[in-house]
Amino acid sequence: MSEVYDIAVIGAGIAGASVAANLAKAGKQVLLLEMESQPGYHTTGRSAAIYSPVYGPEPIRALTRASREFFNTPPDGFADSPLLRPRSACFLAREDQLSDLSNLQTELGGGGRFRS
């Protein structure tokens, strides 16, 4: 392993790992640093584990919805088992956040079932 690097990338989530991979392809000596026990430990792991068309701001929800067909009917030979299965999620709000939660419910319309 080299002890001299052109650049250090801090964080091995999806963004850091992608940046490091592209820099390495461009011929740079890259040091990828991660403080957790494995890459993608936090939000990358959650994003890869849950298909949630009601999570995040509208541009993210639109991208998620656009991928649904692929997950429901992946190409032959892509996976040995289904890629999606139903799961529940829970959105919690403090009393001072209830109006935000209500606005989210209105914005999502039929995108989820809510109860308070």
PDB file of N, CA and C in Angstrom:
ATOM      1  N   MET A   1       0.834  -1.168   0.000  1.00  0.00           N
ATOM      2  CA  MET A   1       0.000   0.000   0.000  1.00  0.00           C
ATOM      3  C   MET A   1       0.889   1.245   0.000  1.00  0.00           C
ATOM      4  N   SER A   2       0.505   2.201  -0.797  1.00  0.00           N
ATOM      5  CA  SER A   2       1.252   3.461  -0.872  1.00  0.00           C
ATOM      6  C   SER A   2       1.035   4.274   0.399  1.00  0.00           C
ATOM      7  N   GLU A   3       2.065   5.018   0.800  1.00  0.00           N
ATOM      8  CA  GLU A   3       1.913   5.917   1.929  1.00  0.00           C
ATOM      9  C   GLU A   3       1.783   7.356   1.470  1.00  0.00           C
ATOM     10  N   VAL A   4       1.816   7.565   0.169  1.00  0.00           N
ATOM     11  CA  VAL A   4       1.647   8.892  -0.403  1.00  0.00           C
ATOM     12  C   VAL A   4       0.417   8.842  -1.300  1.00  0.00           C
ATOM     13  N   TYR A   5      -0.509   9.751  -1.063  1.00  0.00           N
ATOM     14  CA  TYR A   5      -1.772   9.762  -1.799  1.00  0.00           C
ATOM     15  C   TYR A   5      -1.975  11.117  -2.442  1.00  0.00           C
ATOM     16  N   ASP A   6      -2.680  11.125  -3.553  1.00  0.00           N
ATOM     17  CA  ASP A   6      -3.038  12.379  -4.191  1.00  0.00           C
ATOM     18  C   ASP A   6      -4.186  13.058  -3.455  1.00  0.00           C
ATOM     19  N   ILE A   7      -5.065  12.236  -2.897  1.00  0.00           N
ATOM     20  CA  ILE A   7      -6.246  12.790  -2.241  1.00  0.00           C
ATOM     21  C   ILE A   7      -6.781  11.802  -1.219  1.00  0.00           C
ATOM     22  N   ALA A   8      -7.372  12.335  -0.154  1.00  0.00           N
ATOM     23  CA  ALA A   8      -8.048  11.516   0.847  1.00  0.00           C
ATOM     24  C   ALA A   8      -9.533  11.839   0.781  1.00  0.00           C
ATOM     25  N   VAL A   9     -10.336  10.798   0.747  1.00  0.00           N
ATOM     26  CA  VAL A   9     -11.788  10.952   0.771  1.00  0.00           C
ATOM     27  C   VAL A   9     -12.250  10.455   2.131  1.00  0.00           C
ATOM     28  N   ILE A  10     -12.984  11.304   2.835  1.00  0.00           N
ATOM     29  CA  ILE A  10     -13.444  10.960   4.174  1.00  0.00           C
ATOM     30  C   ILE A  10     -14.903  10.537   4.082  1.00  0.00           C
ATOM     31  N   GLY A  11     -15.158   9.299   4.456  1.00  0.00           N
ATOM     32  CA  GLY A  11     -16.505   8.748   4.446  1.00  0.00           C
ATOM     33  C   GLY A  11     -16.700   7.772   3.303  1.00  0.00           C
ATOM     34  N   ALA A  12     -17.034   6.532   3.635  1.00  0.00           N
ATOM     35  CA  ALA A  12     -17.206   5.488   2.619  1.00  0.00           C
ATOM     36  C   ALA A  12     -18.671   5.151   2.412  1.00  0.00           C
ATOM     37  N   GLY A  13     -19.514   6.174   2.493  1.00  0.00           N
ATOM     38  CA  GLY A  13     -20.902   5.997   2.089  1.00  0.00           C
ATOM     39  C   GLY A  13     -20.968   5.995   0.571  1.00  0.00           C
ATOM     40  N   ILE A  14     -22.159   6.051   0.035  1.00  0.00           N
ATOM     41  CA  ILE A  14     -22.300   5.964  -1.416  1.00  0.00           C
ATOM     42  C   ILE A  14     -21.592   7.120  -2.121  1.00  0.00           C
ATOM     43  N   ALA A  15     -21.643   8.314  -1.559  1.00  0.00           N
ATOM     44  CA  ALA A  15     -20.989   9.462  -2.197  1.00  0.00           C
ATOM     45  C   ALA A  15     -19.469   9.344  -2.113  1.00  0.00           C
ATOM     46  N   GLY A  16     -18.942   9.073  -0.917  1.00  0.00           N
ATOM     47  CA  GLY A  16     -17.496   8.978  -0.751  1.00  0.00           C
ATOM     48  C   GLY A  16     -16.898   7.840  -1.553  1.00  0.00           C
ATOM     49  N   ALA A  17     -17.546   6.682  -1.529  1.00  0.00           N
ATOM     50  CA  ALA A  17     -17.040   5.536  -2.283  1.00  0.00           C
ATOM     51  C   ALA A  17     -17.091   5.816  -3.783  1.00  0.00           C
ATOM     52  N   SER A  18     -18.132   6.495  -4.241  1.00  0.00           N
ATOM     53  CA  SER A  18     -18.237   6.827  -5.668  1.00  0.00           C
ATOM     54  C   SER A  18     -17.150   7.805  -6.084  1.00  0.00           C
ATOM     55  N   VAL A  19     -16.933   8.823  -5.276  1.00  0.00           N
ATOM     56  CA  VAL A  19     -15.884   9.804  -5.575  1.00  0.00           C
ATOM     57  C   VAL A  19     -14.519   9.112  -5.601  1.00  0.00           C
ATOM     58  N   ALA A  20     -14.246   8.278  -4.597  1.00  0.00           N
ATOM     59  CA  ALA A  20     -12.958   7.592  -4.529  1.00  0.00           C
ATOM     60  C   ALA A  20     -12.760   6.676  -5.740  1.00  0.00           C
ATOM     61  N   ALA A  21     -13.801   5.957  -6.137  1.00  0.00           N
ATOM     62  CA  ALA A  21     -13.697   5.052  -7.289  1.00  0.00           C
ATOM     63  C   ALA A  21     -13.411   5.824  -8.568  1.00  0.00           C
ATOM     64  N   ASN A  22     -14.090   6.931  -8.757  1.00  0.00           N
ATOM     65  CA  ASN A  22     -13.876   7.727  -9.970  1.00  0.00           C
ATOM     66  C   ASN A  22     -12.500   8.380  -9.988  1.00  0.00           C
ATOM     67  N   LEU A  23     -12.035   8.833  -8.840  1.00  0.00           N
ATOM     68  CA  LEU A  23     -10.677   9.395  -8.779  1.00  0.00           C
ATOM     69  C   LEU A  23      -9.635   8.323  -9.073  1.00  0.00           C
ATOM     70  N   ALA A  24      -9.844   7.123  -8.548  1.00  0.00           N
ATOM     71  CA  ALA A  24      -8.905   6.028  -8.810  1.00  0.00           C
ATOM     72  C   ALA A  24      -8.898   5.659 -10.290  1.00  0.00           C
ATOM     73  N   LYS A  25     -10.072   5.658 -10.920  1.00  0.00           N
ATOM     74  CA  LYS A  25     -10.145   5.384 -12.361  1.00  0.00           C
ATOM     75  C   LYS A  25      -9.374   6.431 -13.155  1.00  0.00           C
ATOM     76  N   ALA A  26      -9.338   7.648 -12.618  1.00  0.00           N
ATOM     77  CA  ALA A  26      -8.628   8.736 -13.293  1.00  0.00           C
ATOM     78  C   ALA A  26      -7.126   8.701 -13.006  1.00  0.00           C
ATOM     79  N   GLY A  27      -6.684   7.662 -12.294  1.00  0.00           N
ATOM     80  CA  GLY A  27      -5.249   7.497 -12.061  1.00  0.00           C
ATOM     81  C   GLY A  27      -4.731   8.127 -10.785  1.00  0.00           C
ATOM     82  N   LYS A  28      -5.610   8.594  -9.936  1.00  0.00           N
ATOM     83  CA  LYS A  28      -5.176   9.201  -8.667  1.00  0.00           C
ATOM     84  C   LYS A  28      -4.937   8.120  -7.618  1.00  0.00           C
ATOM     85  N   GLN A  29      -3.971   8.364  -6.745  1.00  0.00           N
ATOM     86  CA  GLN A  29      -3.766   7.511  -5.577  1.00  0.00           C
ATOM     87  C   GLN A  29      -4.710   8.020  -4.495  1.00  0.00           C
ATOM     88  N   VAL A  30      -5.702   7.208  -4.143  1.00  0.00           N
ATOM     89  CA  VAL A  30      -6.777   7.656  -3.254  1.00  0.00           C
ATOM     90  C   VAL A  30      -6.736   6.893  -1.943  1.00  0.00           C
ATOM     91  N   LEU A  31      -6.879   7.614  -0.851  1.00  0.00           N
ATOM     92  CA  LEU A  31      -7.047   7.023   0.469  1.00  0.00           C
ATOM     93  C   LEU A  31      -8.499   7.252   0.871  1.00  0.00           C
ATOM     94  N   LEU A  32      -9.238   6.178   1.072  1.00  0.00           N
ATOM     95  CA  LEU A  32     -10.651   6.258   1.481  1.00  0.00           C
ATOM     96  C   LEU A  32     -10.735   5.911   2.955  1.00  0.00           C
ATOM     97  N   LEU A  33     -11.159   6.882   3.759  1.00  0.00           N
ATOM     98  CA  LEU A  33     -11.212   6.713   5.216  1.00  0.00           C
ATOM     99  C   LEU A  33     -12.659   6.570   5.680  1.00  0.00           C
ATOM    100  N   GLU A  34     -12.894   5.607   6.565  1.00  0.00           N
ATOM    101  CA  GLU A  34     -14.226   5.399   7.142  1.00  0.00           C
ATOM    102  C   GLU A  34     -14.059   5.079   8.613  1.00  0.00           C
ATOM    103  N   MET A  35     -14.821   5.748   9.473  1.00  0.00           N
ATOM    104  CA  MET A  35     -14.677   5.501  10.906  1.00  0.00           C
ATOM    105  C   MET A  35     -15.537   4.337  11.394  1.00  0.00           C
ATOM    106  N   GLU A  36     -16.531   3.941  10.619  1.00  0.00           N
ATOM    107  CA  GLU A  36     -17.377   2.826  11.033  1.00  0.00           C
ATOM    108  C   GLU A  36     -16.730   1.494  10.691  1.00  0.00           C
ATOM    109  N   SER A  37     -17.331   0.420  11.129  1.00  0.00           N
ATOM    110  CA  SER A  37     -16.762  -0.914  10.917  1.00  0.00           C
ATOM    111  C   SER A  37     -16.902  -1.397   9.483  1.00  0.00           C
ATOM    112  N   GLN A  38     -17.746  -0.734   8.705  1.00  0.00           N
ATOM    113  CA  GLN A  38     -17.939  -1.138   7.311  1.00  0.00           C
ATOM    114  C   GLN A  38     -18.408   0.052   6.496  1.00  0.00           C
ATOM    115  N   PRO A  39     -18.153   0.033   5.193  1.00  0.00           N
ATOM    116  CA  PRO A  39     -18.650   1.115   4.324  1.00  0.00           C
ATOM    117  C   PRO A  39     -20.178   1.110   4.278  1.00  0.00           C
ATOM    118  N   GLY A  40     -20.755   2.260   4.042  1.00  0.00           N
ATOM    119  CA  GLY A  40     -22.210   2.358   3.884  1.00  0.00           C
ATOM    120  C   GLY A  40     -22.997   2.042   5.133  1.00  0.00           C
ATOM    121  N   TYR A  41     -22.433   2.278   6.290  1.00  0.00           N
ATOM    122  CA  TYR A  41     -23.043   1.868   7.560  1.00  0.00           C
ATOM    123  C   TYR A  41     -24.307   2.649   7.907  1.00  0.00           C
ATOM    124  N   HIS A  42     -24.366   3.917   7.552  1.00  0.00           N
ATOM    125  CA  HIS A  42     -25.493   4.746   7.992  1.00  0.00           C
ATOM    126  C   HIS A  42     -26.548   4.885   6.900  1.00  0.00           C
ATOM    127  N   THR A  43     -26.724   6.065   6.355  1.00  0.00           N
ATOM    128  CA  THR A  43     -27.827   6.289   5.423  1.00  0.00           C
ATOM    129  C   THR A  43     -27.717   5.467   4.155  1.00  0.00           C
ATOM    130  N   THR A  44     -26.519   5.174   3.702  1.00  0.00           N
ATOM    131  CA  THR A  44     -26.386   4.334   2.514  1.00  0.00           C
ATOM    132  C   THR A  44     -27.014   2.974   2.774  1.00  0.00           C
ATOM    133  N   GLY A  45     -26.765   2.417   3.937  1.00  0.00           N
ATOM    134  CA  GLY A  45     -27.353   1.128   4.286  1.00  0.00           C
ATOM    135  C   GLY A  45     -28.862   1.190   4.361  1.00  0.00           C
ATOM    136  N   ARG A  46     -29.397   2.269   4.928  1.00  0.00           N
ATOM    137  CA  ARG A  46     -30.857   2.406   4.992  1.00  0.00           C
ATOM    138  C   ARG A  46     -31.426   2.582   3.599  1.00  0.00           C
ATOM    139  N   SER A  47     -30.784   3.393   2.787  1.00  0.00           N
ATOM    140  CA  SER A  47     -31.294   3.626   1.444  1.00  0.00           C
ATOM    141  C   SER A  47     -31.299   2.354   0.623  1.00  0.00           C
ATOM    142  N   ALA A  48     -30.307   1.517   0.816  1.00  0.00           N
ATOM    143  CA  ALA A  48     -30.238   0.269   0.057  1.00  0.00           C
ATOM    144  C   ALA A  48     -31.207  -0.769   0.604  1.00  0.00           C
ATOM    145  N   ALA A  49     -31.632  -0.619   1.840  1.00  0.00           N
ATOM    146  CA  ALA A  49     -32.453  -1.647   2.472  1.00  0.00           C
ATOM    147  C   ALA A  49     -33.948  -1.398   2.358  1.00  0.00           C
ATOM    148  N   ILE A  50     -34.361  -0.181   2.103  1.00  0.00           N
ATOM    149  CA  ILE A  50     -35.789   0.131   2.112  1.00  0.00           C
ATOM    150  C   ILE A  50     -36.173   0.902   0.858  1.00  0.00           C
ATOM    151  N   TYR A  51     -37.202   0.420   0.185  1.00  0.00           N
ATOM    152  CA  TYR A  51     -37.819   1.154  -0.929  1.00  0.00           C
ATOM    153  C   TYR A  51     -38.979   1.923  -0.328  1.00  0.00           C
ATOM    154  N   SER A  52     -38.874   3.224  -0.244  1.00  0.00           N
ATOM    155  CA  SER A  52     -39.911   4.033   0.379  1.00  0.00           C
ATOM    156  C   SER A  52     -40.255   5.225  -0.506  1.00  0.00           C
ATOM    157  N   PRO A  53     -41.357   5.117  -1.267  1.00  0.00           N
ATOM    158  CA  PRO A  53     -41.741   6.225  -2.148  1.00  0.00           C
ATOM    159  C   PRO A  53     -42.279   7.447  -1.407  1.00  0.00           C
ATOM    160  N   VAL A  54     -42.340   7.381  -0.073  1.00  0.00           N
ATOM    161  CA  VAL A  54     -42.806   8.525   0.708  1.00  0.00           C
ATOM    162  C   VAL A  54     -41.680   9.167   1.509  1.00  0.00           C
ATOM    163  N   TYR A  55     -40.431   8.731   1.307  1.00  0.00           N
ATOM    164  CA  TYR A  55     -39.310   9.258   2.065  1.00  0.00           C
ATOM    165  C   TYR A  55     -38.599  10.361   1.293  1.00  0.00           C
ATOM    166  N   GLY A  56     -38.260  11.427   1.982  1.00  0.00           N
ATOM    167  CA  GLY A  56     -37.445  12.489   1.406  1.00  0.00           C
ATOM    168  C   GLY A  56     -38.253  13.547   0.679  1.00  0.00           C
ATOM    169  N   PRO A  57     -37.557  14.549   0.157  1.00  0.00           N
ATOM    170  CA  PRO A  57     -38.237  15.612  -0.594  1.00  0.00           C
ATOM    171  C   PRO A  57     -38.748  15.069  -1.932  1.00  0.00           C
ATOM    172  N   GLU A  58     -39.615  15.818  -2.572  1.00  0.00           N
ATOM    173  CA  GLU A  58     -40.273  15.355  -3.795  1.00  0.00           C
ATOM    174  C   GLU A  58     -39.314  14.862  -4.880  1.00  0.00           C
ATOM    175  N   PRO A  59     -38.178  15.524  -5.151  1.00  0.00           N
ATOM    176  CA  PRO A  59     -37.289  14.975  -6.194  1.00  0.00           C
ATOM    177  C   PRO A  59     -36.790  13.563  -5.868  1.00  0.00           C
ATOM    178  N   ILE A  60     -36.508  13.296  -4.604  1.00  0.00           N
ATOM    179  CA  ILE A  60     -36.064  11.957  -4.186  1.00  0.00           C
ATOM    180  C   ILE A  60     -37.212  10.974  -4.310  1.00  0.00           C
ATOM    181  N   ARG A  61     -38.415  11.383  -3.888  1.00  0.00           N
ATOM    182  CA  ARG A  61     -39.580  10.492  -4.013  1.00  0.00           C
ATOM    183  C   ARG A  61     -39.852  10.170  -5.479  1.00  0.00           C
ATOM    184  N   ALA A  62     -39.673  11.142  -6.376  1.00  0.00           N
ATOM    185  CA  ALA A  62     -39.899  10.900  -7.806  1.00  0.00           C
ATOM    186  C   ALA A  62     -38.896   9.881  -8.349  1.00  0.00           C
ATOM    187  N   LEU A  63     -37.636  10.005  -7.962  1.00  0.00           N
ATOM    188  CA  LEU A  63     -36.625   9.031  -8.394  1.00  0.00           C
ATOM    189  C   LEU A  63     -36.943   7.640  -7.852  1.00  0.00           C
ATOM    190  N   THR A  64     -37.388   7.591  -6.614  1.00  0.00           N
ATOM    191  CA  THR A  64     -37.744   6.304  -6.017  1.00  0.00           C
ATOM    192  C   THR A  64     -38.899   5.661  -6.771  1.00  0.00           C
ATOM    193  N   ARG A  65     -39.939   6.456  -7.046  1.00  0.00           N
ATOM    194  CA  ARG A  65     -41.092   5.914  -7.788  1.00  0.00           C
ATOM    195  C   ARG A  65     -40.679   5.446  -9.182  1.00  0.00           C
ATOM    196  N   ALA A  66     -39.751   6.142  -9.808  1.00  0.00           N
ATOM    197  CA  ALA A  66     -39.309   5.778 -11.158  1.00  0.00           C
ATOM    198  C   ALA A  66     -38.602   4.422 -11.173  1.00  0.00           C
ATOM    199  N   SER A  67     -38.055   3.995 -10.043  1.00  0.00           N
ATOM    200  CA  SER A  67     -37.345   2.711 -10.000  1.00  0.00           C
ATOM    201  C   SER A  67     -38.253   1.541  -9.660  1.00  0.00           C
ATOM    202  N   ARG A  68     -39.502   1.807  -9.328  1.00  0.00           N
ATOM    203  CA  ARG A  68     -40.403   0.746  -8.846  1.00  0.00           C
ATOM    204  C   ARG A  68     -40.556  -0.395  -9.850  1.00  0.00           C
ATOM    205  N   GLU A  69     -40.749  -0.091 -11.118  1.00  0.00           N
ATOM    206  CA  GLU A  69     -40.952  -1.134 -12.122  1.00  0.00           C
ATOM    207  C   GLU A  69     -39.764  -2.091 -12.172  1.00  0.00           C
ATOM    208  N   PHE A  70     -38.562  -1.534 -12.099  1.00  0.00           N
ATOM    209  CA  PHE A  70     -37.373  -2.400 -12.103  1.00  0.00           C
ATOM    210  C   PHE A  70     -37.398  -3.338 -10.907  1.00  0.00           C
ATOM    211  N   PHE A  71     -37.697  -2.809  -9.733  1.00  0.00           N
ATOM    212  CA  PHE A  71     -37.707  -3.647  -8.532  1.00  0.00           C
ATOM    213  C   PHE A  71     -38.821  -4.692  -8.578  1.00  0.00           C
ATOM    214  N   ASN A  72     -39.956  -4.331  -9.150  1.00  0.00           N
ATOM    215  CA  ASN A  72     -41.064  -5.284  -9.233  1.00  0.00           C
ATOM    216  C   ASN A  72     -40.824  -6.358 -10.287  1.00  0.00           C
ATOM    217  N   THR A  73     -40.168  -5.995 -11.380  1.00  0.00           N
ATOM    218  CA  THR A  73     -39.915  -6.965 -12.461  1.00  0.00           C
ATOM    219  C   THR A  73     -38.486  -6.808 -12.966  1.00  0.00           C
ATOM    220  N   PRO A  74     -37.507  -7.269 -12.177  1.00  0.00           N
ATOM    221  CA  PRO A  74     -36.106  -7.161 -12.611  1.00  0.00           C
ATOM    222  C   PRO A  74     -35.854  -8.053 -13.821  1.00  0.00           C
ATOM    223  N   PRO A  75     -34.789  -7.804 -14.559  1.00  0.00           N
ATOM    224  CA  PRO A  75     -34.456  -8.647 -15.714  1.00  0.00           C
ATOM    225  C   PRO A  75     -34.280 -10.108 -15.300  1.00  0.00           C
ATOM    226  N   ASP A  76     -34.574 -11.021 -16.191  1.00  0.00           N
ATOM    227  CA  ASP A  76     -34.379 -12.445 -15.928  1.00  0.00           C
ATOM    228  C   ASP A  76     -32.948 -12.699 -15.475  1.00  0.00           C
ATOM    229  N   GLY A  77     -32.824 -13.487 -14.415  1.00  0.00           N
ATOM    230  CA  GLY A  77     -31.510 -13.842 -13.898  1.00  0.00           C
ATOM    231  C   GLY A  77     -30.882 -12.808 -12.987  1.00  0.00           C
ATOM    232  N   PHE A  78     -31.547 -11.666 -12.778  1.00  0.00           N
ATOM    233  CA  PHE A  78     -30.966 -10.605 -11.943  1.00  0.00           C
ATOM    234  C   PHE A  78     -30.910 -11.017 -10.475  1.00  0.00           C
ATOM    235  N   ALA A  79     -31.964 -11.683  -9.987  1.00  0.00           N
ATOM    236  CA  ALA A  79     -32.029 -12.065  -8.574  1.00  0.00           C
ATOM    237  C   ALA A  79     -32.766 -13.386  -8.437  1.00  0.00           C
ATOM    238  N   ASP A  80     -32.411 -14.128  -7.412  1.00  0.00           N
ATOM    239  CA  ASP A  80     -33.056 -15.411  -7.149  1.00  0.00           C
ATOM    240  C   ASP A  80     -34.346 -15.283  -6.347  1.00  0.00           C
ATOM    241  N   SER A  81     -34.584 -14.127  -5.770  1.00  0.00           N
ATOM    242  CA  SER A  81     -35.787 -13.912  -4.971  1.00  0.00           C
ATOM    243  C   SER A  81     -36.315 -12.500  -5.240  1.00  0.00           C
ATOM    244  N   PRO A  82     -37.553 -12.221  -4.847  1.00  0.00           N
ATOM    245  CA  PRO A  82     -38.106 -10.877  -5.075  1.00  0.00           C
ATOM    246  C   PRO A  82     -37.246  -9.792  -4.426  1.00  0.00           C
ATOM    247  N   LEU A  83     -37.197  -8.632  -5.078  1.00  0.00           N
ATOM    248  CA  LEU A  83     -36.405  -7.521  -4.553  1.00  0.00           C
ATOM    249  C   LEU A  83     -37.179  -6.684  -3.549  1.00  0.00           C
ATOM    250  N   LEU A  84     -38.496  -6.694  -3.630  1.00  0.00           N
ATOM    251  CA  LEU A  84     -39.332  -5.902  -2.720  1.00  0.00           C
ATOM    252  C   LEU A  84     -40.279  -6.795  -1.943  1.00  0.00           C
ATOM    253  N   ARG A  85     -40.554  -6.380  -0.720  1.00  0.00           N
ATOM    254  CA  ARG A  85     -41.626  -6.972   0.072  1.00  0.00           C
ATOM    255  C   ARG A  85     -42.175  -5.870   0.965  1.00  0.00           C
ATOM    256  N   PRO A  86     -43.453  -5.932   1.277  1.00  0.00           N
ATOM    257  CA  PRO A  86     -44.066  -4.849   2.076  1.00  0.00           C
ATOM    258  C   PRO A  86     -43.426  -4.722   3.457  1.00  0.00           C
ATOM    259  N   ARG A  87     -43.260  -3.469   3.874  1.00  0.00           N
ATOM    260  CA  ARG A  87     -42.763  -3.142   5.212  1.00  0.00           C
ATOM    261  C   ARG A  87     -43.513  -1.919   5.704  1.00  0.00           C
ATOM    262  N   SER A  88     -43.597  -1.797   6.983  1.00  0.00           N
ATOM    263  CA  SER A  88     -44.220  -0.617   7.569  1.00  0.00           C
ATOM    264  C   SER A  88     -43.146   0.372   7.982  1.00  0.00           C
ATOM    265  N   ALA A  89     -43.541   1.613   8.111  1.00  0.00           N
ATOM    266  CA  ALA A  89     -42.639   2.656   8.603  1.00  0.00           C
ATOM    267  C   ALA A  89     -43.404   3.514   9.592  1.00  0.00           C
ATOM    268  N   CYS A  90     -42.676   4.149  10.448  1.00  0.00           N
ATOM    269  CA  CYS A  90     -43.298   4.986  11.464  1.00  0.00           C
ATOM    270  C   CYS A  90     -42.644   6.369  11.419  1.00  0.00           C
ATOM    271  N   PHE A  91     -43.466   7.397  11.232  1.00  0.00           N
ATOM    272  CA  PHE A  91     -42.997   8.782  11.291  1.00  0.00           C
ATOM    273  C   PHE A  91     -43.407   9.333  12.648  1.00  0.00           C
ATOM    274  N   LEU A  92     -42.465   9.818  13.402  1.00  0.00           N
ATOM    275  CA  LEU A  92     -42.741  10.393  14.719  1.00  0.00           C
ATOM    276  C   LEU A  92     -42.562  11.893  14.660  1.00  0.00           C
ATOM    277  N   ALA A  93     -43.365  12.590  15.441  1.00  0.00           N
ATOM    278  CA  ALA A  93     -43.251  14.050  15.487  1.00  0.00           C
ATOM    279  C   ALA A  93     -43.505  14.521  16.914  1.00  0.00           C
ATOM    280  N   ARG A  94     -42.718  15.513  17.307  1.00  0.00           N
ATOM    281  CA  ARG A  94     -43.009  16.192  18.574  1.00  0.00           C
ATOM    282  C   ARG A  94     -44.243  17.062  18.362  1.00  0.00           C
ATOM    283  N   GLU A  95     -44.802  17.548  19.421  1.00  0.00           N
ATOM    284  CA  GLU A  95     -46.000  18.380  19.319  1.00  0.00           C
ATOM    285  C   GLU A  95     -45.766  19.595  18.424  1.00  0.00           C
ATOM    286  N   ASP A  96     -44.563  20.193  18.512  1.00  0.00           N
ATOM    287  CA  ASP A  96     -44.268  21.365  17.695  1.00  0.00           C
ATOM    288  C   ASP A  96     -44.013  21.011  16.226  1.00  0.00           C
ATOM    289  N   GLN A  97     -43.974  19.725  15.887  1.00  0.00           N
ATOM    290  CA  GLN A  97     -43.764  19.278  14.514  1.00  0.00           C
ATOM    291  C   GLN A  97     -45.029  18.702  13.873  1.00  0.00           C
ATOM    292  N   LEU A  98     -46.125  18.663  14.622  1.00  0.00           N
ATOM    293  CA  LEU A  98     -47.352  18.038  14.118  1.00  0.00           C
ATOM    294  C   LEU A  98     -47.872  18.701  12.847  1.00  0.00           C
ATOM    295  N   SER A  99     -47.734  20.006  12.719  1.00  0.00           N
ATOM    296  CA  SER A  99     -48.200  20.670  11.497  1.00  0.00           C
ATOM    297  C   SER A  99     -47.353  20.233  10.302  1.00  0.00           C
ATOM    298  N   ASP A 100     -46.031  20.037  10.508  1.00  0.00           N
ATOM    299  CA  ASP A 100     -45.176  19.533   9.429  1.00  0.00           C
ATOM    300  C   ASP A 100     -45.590  18.119   9.026  1.00  0.00           C
ATOM    301  N   LEU A 101     -45.907  17.300  10.002  1.00  0.00           N
ATOM    302  CA  LEU A 101     -46.340  15.940   9.710  1.00  0.00           C
ATOM    303  C   LEU A 101     -47.669  15.943   8.962  1.00  0.00           C
ATOM    304  N   SER A 102     -48.565  16.821   9.359  1.00  0.00           N
ATOM    305  CA  SER A 102     -49.847  16.956   8.664  1.00  0.00           C
ATOM    306  C   SER A 102     -49.643  17.430   7.233  1.00  0.00           C
ATOM    307  N   ASN A 103     -48.735  18.386   7.030  1.00  0.00           N
ATOM    308  CA  ASN A 103     -48.424  18.860   5.679  1.00  0.00           C
ATOM    309  C   ASN A 103     -47.841  17.742   4.821  1.00  0.00           C
ATOM    310  N   LEU A 104     -46.989  16.905   5.409  1.00  0.00           N
ATOM    311  CA  LEU A 104     -46.422  15.777   4.688  1.00  0.00           C
ATOM    312  C   LEU A 104     -47.529  14.809   4.275  1.00  0.00           C
ATOM    313  N   GLN A 105     -48.434  14.534   5.171  1.00  0.00           N
ATOM    314  CA  GLN A 105     -49.555  13.644   4.869  1.00  0.00           C
ATOM    315  C   GLN A 105     -50.366  14.192   3.697  1.00  0.00           C
ATOM    316  N   THR A 106     -50.642  15.489   3.702  1.00  0.00           N
ATOM    317  CA  THR A 106     -51.388  16.118   2.611  1.00  0.00           C
ATOM    318  C   THR A 106     -50.603  16.044   1.312  1.00  0.00           C
ATOM    319  N   GLU A 107     -49.305  16.338   1.372  1.00  0.00           N
ATOM    320  CA  GLU A 107     -48.459  16.318   0.182  1.00  0.00           C
ATOM    321  C   GLU A 107     -48.371  14.921  -0.430  1.00  0.00           C
ATOM    322  N   LEU A 108     -48.303  13.903   0.419  1.00  0.00           N
ATOM    323  CA  LEU A 108     -48.172  12.541  -0.080  1.00  0.00           C
ATOM    324  C   LEU A 108     -49.477  11.977  -0.608  1.00  0.00           C
ATOM    325  N   GLY A 109     -50.595  12.563  -0.193  1.00  0.00           N
ATOM    326  CA  GLY A 109     -51.883  12.066  -0.675  1.00  0.00           C
ATOM    327  C   GLY A 109     -52.035  10.592  -0.400  1.00  0.00           C
ATOM    328  N   GLY A 110     -52.233   9.814  -1.455  1.00  0.00           N
ATOM    329  CA  GLY A 110     -52.426   8.376  -1.309  1.00  0.00           C
ATOM    330  C   GLY A 110     -51.143   7.595  -1.193  1.00  0.00           C
ATOM    331  N   GLY A 111     -50.003   8.273  -1.017  1.00  0.00           N
ATOM    332  CA  GLY A 111     -48.719   7.588  -0.963  1.00  0.00           C
ATOM    333  C   GLY A 111     -48.453   6.811   0.287  1.00  0.00           C
ATOM    334  N   GLY A 112     -49.340   6.872   1.252  1.00  0.00           N
ATOM    335  CA  GLY A 112     -49.145   6.130   2.481  1.00  0.00           C
ATOM    336  C   GLY A 112     -50.381   6.218   3.353  1.00  0.00           C
ATOM    337  N   ARG A 113     -50.450   5.355   4.322  1.00  0.00           N
ATOM    338  CA  ARG A 113     -51.557   5.375   5.286  1.00  0.00           C
ATOM    339  C   ARG A 113     -51.035   6.009   6.561  1.00  0.00           C
ATOM    340  N   PHE A 114     -51.778   6.942   7.095  1.00  0.00           N
ATOM    341  CA  PHE A 114     -51.351   7.654   8.298  1.00  0.00           C
ATOM    342  C   PHE A 114     -52.408   7.520   9.381  1.00  0.00           C
ATOM    343  N   ARG A 115     -51.957   7.525  10.589  1.00  0.00           N
ATOM    344  CA  ARG A 115     -52.873   7.650  11.731  1.00  0.00           C
ATOM    345  C   ARG A 115     -52.127   8.411  12.812  1.00  0.00           C
ATOM    346  N   SER A 116     -52.874   9.109  13.612  1.00  0.00           N
ATOM    347  CA  SER A 116     -52.216   9.871  14.684  1.00  0.00           C
ATOM    348  C   SER A 116     -52.833   9.521  16.016  1.00  0.00           C
TER     349      SER A 116
END
